[in-house]
C-alpha atoms as a PDB file:
ATOM      1  CA  MET A   1      19.793   1.075  -3.621  1.00  0.00           C
ATOM      2  CA  ALA A   2      16.539   2.125  -1.936  1.00  0.00           C
ATOM      3  CA  SER A   3      14.966   0.117   0.844  1.00  0.00           C
ATOM      4  CA  SER A   4      13.221  -3.197  -0.514  1.00  0.00           C
ATOM      5  CA  PRO A   5       9.380  -3.294  -1.380  1.00  0.00           C
ATOM      6  CA  SER A   6       8.830  -5.476   1.754  1.00  0.00           C
ATOM      7  CA  ASP A   7      10.048  -2.822   4.048  1.00  0.00           C
ATOM      8  CA  GLU A   8       8.084  -0.104   2.278  1.00  0.00           C
ATOM      9  CA  ASP A   9       4.811  -1.864   2.081  1.00  0.00           C
ATOM     10  CA  LYS A  10       4.894  -2.797   5.990  1.00  0.00           C
ATOM     11  CA  THR A  11       4.855   0.969   6.797  1.00  0.00           C
ATOM     12  CA  ALA A  12       2.773   2.192   3.875  1.00  0.00           C
ATOM     13  CA  TRP A  13      -0.526   1.686   5.749  1.00  0.00           C
ATOM     14  CA  GLY A  14       0.906   3.121   9.192  1.00  0.00           C
ATOM     15  CA  LYS A  15       1.981   6.221   7.424  1.00  0.00           C
ATOM     16  CA  VAL A  16      -1.515   7.039   6.057  1.00  0.00           C
ATOM     17  CA  GLU A  17      -3.875   5.468   8.361  1.00  0.00           C
ATOM     18  CA  LYS A  18      -4.715   8.598  10.150  1.00  0.00           C
ATOM     19  CA  LYS A  19      -5.374  10.521   7.046  1.00  0.00           C
ATOM     20  CA  PHE A  20      -7.645   7.682   5.452  1.00  0.00           C
ATOM     21  CA  GLU A  21      -9.715   7.225   8.660  1.00  0.00           C
ATOM     22  CA  HIS A  22     -10.546  10.975   8.906  1.00  0.00           C
ATOM     23  CA  LYS A  23     -11.109  11.589   5.131  1.00  0.00           C
ATOM     24  CA  ASN A  24     -14.363  13.037   3.933  1.00  0.00           C
ATOM     25  CA  ALA A  25     -16.929  10.730   2.791  1.00  0.00           C
ATOM     26  CA  SER A  26     -16.491  11.391  -0.895  1.00  0.00           C
ATOM     27  CA  GLU A  27     -12.650  11.288  -0.839  1.00  0.00           C
ATOM     28  CA  TYR A  28     -10.681   8.052  -1.559  1.00  0.00           C
ATOM     29  CA  TYR A  29      -7.138   7.609  -0.396  1.00  0.00           C
ATOM     30  CA  ASP A  30      -4.925   4.737  -1.312  1.00  0.00           C
ATOM     31  CA  PRO A  31      -1.927   4.077   0.734  1.00  0.00           C
ATOM     32  CA  CYS A  32      -0.298   1.950  -2.044  1.00  0.00           C
ATOM     33  CA  GLN A  33      -0.651   4.921  -4.701  1.00  0.00           C
ATOM     34  CA  ALA A  34       3.168   5.167  -4.742  1.00  0.00           C
ATOM     35  CA  PHE A  35       3.545   1.262  -5.738  1.00  0.00           C
ATOM     36  CA  ALA A  36       0.979   1.925  -8.439  1.00  0.00           C
ATOM     37  CA  GLU A  37       2.733   4.862  -9.769  1.00  0.00           C
ATOM     38  CA  ARG A  38       6.206   2.989  -9.714  1.00  0.00           C
ATOM     39  CA  SER A  39       4.498   0.154 -11.639  1.00  0.00           C
ATOM     40  CA  ILE A  40       3.105   2.540 -14.428  1.00  0.00           C
ATOM     41  CA  LYS A  41       6.741   4.436 -14.592  1.00  0.00           C
ATOM     42  CA  CYS A  42       8.431   0.995 -15.111  1.00  0.00           C
ATOM     43  CA  LEU A  43       5.797  -0.039 -17.798  1.00  0.00           C
ATOM     44  CA  ARG A  44       6.670   3.232 -19.626  1.00  0.00           C
ATOM     45  CA  ARG A  45      10.333   2.891 -19.099  1.00  0.00           C
ATOM     46  CA  ASN A  46      10.455  -0.626 -20.642  1.00  0.00           C
ATOM     47  CA  ALA A  47       7.964  -0.046 -23.637  1.00  0.00           C
ATOM     48  CA  GLY A  48       5.312  -2.107 -21.942  1.00  0.00           C
ATOM     49  CA  ASP A  49       7.263  -5.220 -20.973  1.00  0.00           C
ATOM     50  CA  ARG A  50       5.375  -6.508 -18.040  1.00  0.00           C
ATOM     51  CA  ASP A  51       8.073  -9.268 -17.242  1.00  0.00           C
ATOM     52  CA  MET A  52      10.468  -6.277 -16.674  1.00  0.00           C
ATOM     53  CA  CYS A  53       8.309  -4.790 -13.920  1.00  0.00           C
ATOM     54  CA  SER A  54       7.022  -7.910 -12.076  1.00  0.00           C
ATOM     55  CA  ASP A  55       8.784  -6.706  -8.890  1.00  0.00           C
ATOM     56  CA  TYR A  56       6.952  -3.517  -9.016  1.00  0.00           C
ATOM     57  CA  PHE A  57       3.616  -5.234  -9.545  1.00  0.00           C
ATOM     58  CA  GLN A  58       4.391  -7.656  -6.647  1.00  0.00           C
ATOM     59  CA  ALA A  59       5.066  -4.928  -4.127  1.00  0.00           C
ATOM     60  CA  TYR A  60       1.839  -3.107  -5.124  1.00  0.00           C
ATOM     61  CA  ARG A  61       0.027  -6.582  -4.633  1.00  0.00           C
ATOM     62  CA  ASP A  62       1.703  -6.892  -1.221  1.00  0.00           C
ATOM     63  CA  CYS A  63       1.015  -3.312   0.003  1.00  0.00           C
ATOM     64  CA  LYS A  64      -2.744  -4.019  -0.943  1.00  0.00           C
ATOM     65  CA  LYS A  65      -3.108  -7.220   0.720  1.00  0.00           C
ATOM     66  CA  GLU A  66      -1.421  -5.772   3.982  1.00  0.00           C
ATOM     67  CA  TRP A  67      -3.461  -2.716   3.764  1.00  0.00           C
ATOM     68  CA  LEU A  68      -6.598  -4.828   3.625  1.00  0.00           C
ATOM     69  CA  THR A  69      -5.597  -7.393   6.309  1.00  0.00           C
ATOM     70  CA  GLN A  70      -5.128  -4.444   8.738  1.00  0.00           C
ATOM     71  CA  ARG A  71      -8.340  -2.835   7.861  1.00  0.00           C
ATOM     72  CA  LYS A  72     -10.062  -6.022   8.473  1.00  0.00           C
ATOM     73  CA  PHE A  73      -8.134  -6.555  11.843  1.00  0.00           C
ATOM     74  CA  ALA A  74      -8.908  -3.025  12.813  1.00  0.00           C
ATOM     75  CA  LYS A  75     -12.595  -3.567  12.081  1.00  0.00           C
ATOM     76  CA  ALA A  76     -12.701  -6.682  13.925  1.00  0.00           C
ATOM     77  CA  ASN A  77     -10.969  -5.283  17.003  1.00  0.00           C
ATOM     78  CA  PRO A  78     -12.021  -1.635  17.256  1.00  0.00           C
ATOM     79  CA  SER A  79     -11.154  -1.389  20.960  1.00  0.00           C
ATOM     80  CA  ASP A  80      -7.548  -2.885  20.479  1.00  0.00           C
ATOM     81  CA  PRO A  81      -5.156   0.096  20.396  1.00  0.00           C
ATOM     82  CA  SER A  82      -2.426  -2.166  19.178  1.00  0.00           C
ATOM     83  CA  SER A  83      -4.400  -2.918  15.734  1.00  0.00           C
ATOM     84  CA  ALA A  84      -3.583   0.660  14.558  1.00  0.00           C
ATOM     85  CA  LYS A  85       0.108  -0.150  14.706  1.00  0.00           C
ATOM     86  CA  SER A  86       0.098  -3.818  13.525  1.00  0.00           C
END
């Protein structure tokens, strides 16, 4: 079985932070896109039954929450080099 969603969402931001920080002004990059795609695939697989995909939705929410928390922390502490890795 694949690693748990909580393991994946903790590293999602770390893997894409550099790309996100150096993007063009008109580009939007979502480090949690993989979780969103998994949610959509689950809905398709289960004929739109949201109850069957609740774990996927929760993984996406957790990823977004972690990403936004890290972004806020990085903005509040721009000189703190450890903020990029937390």
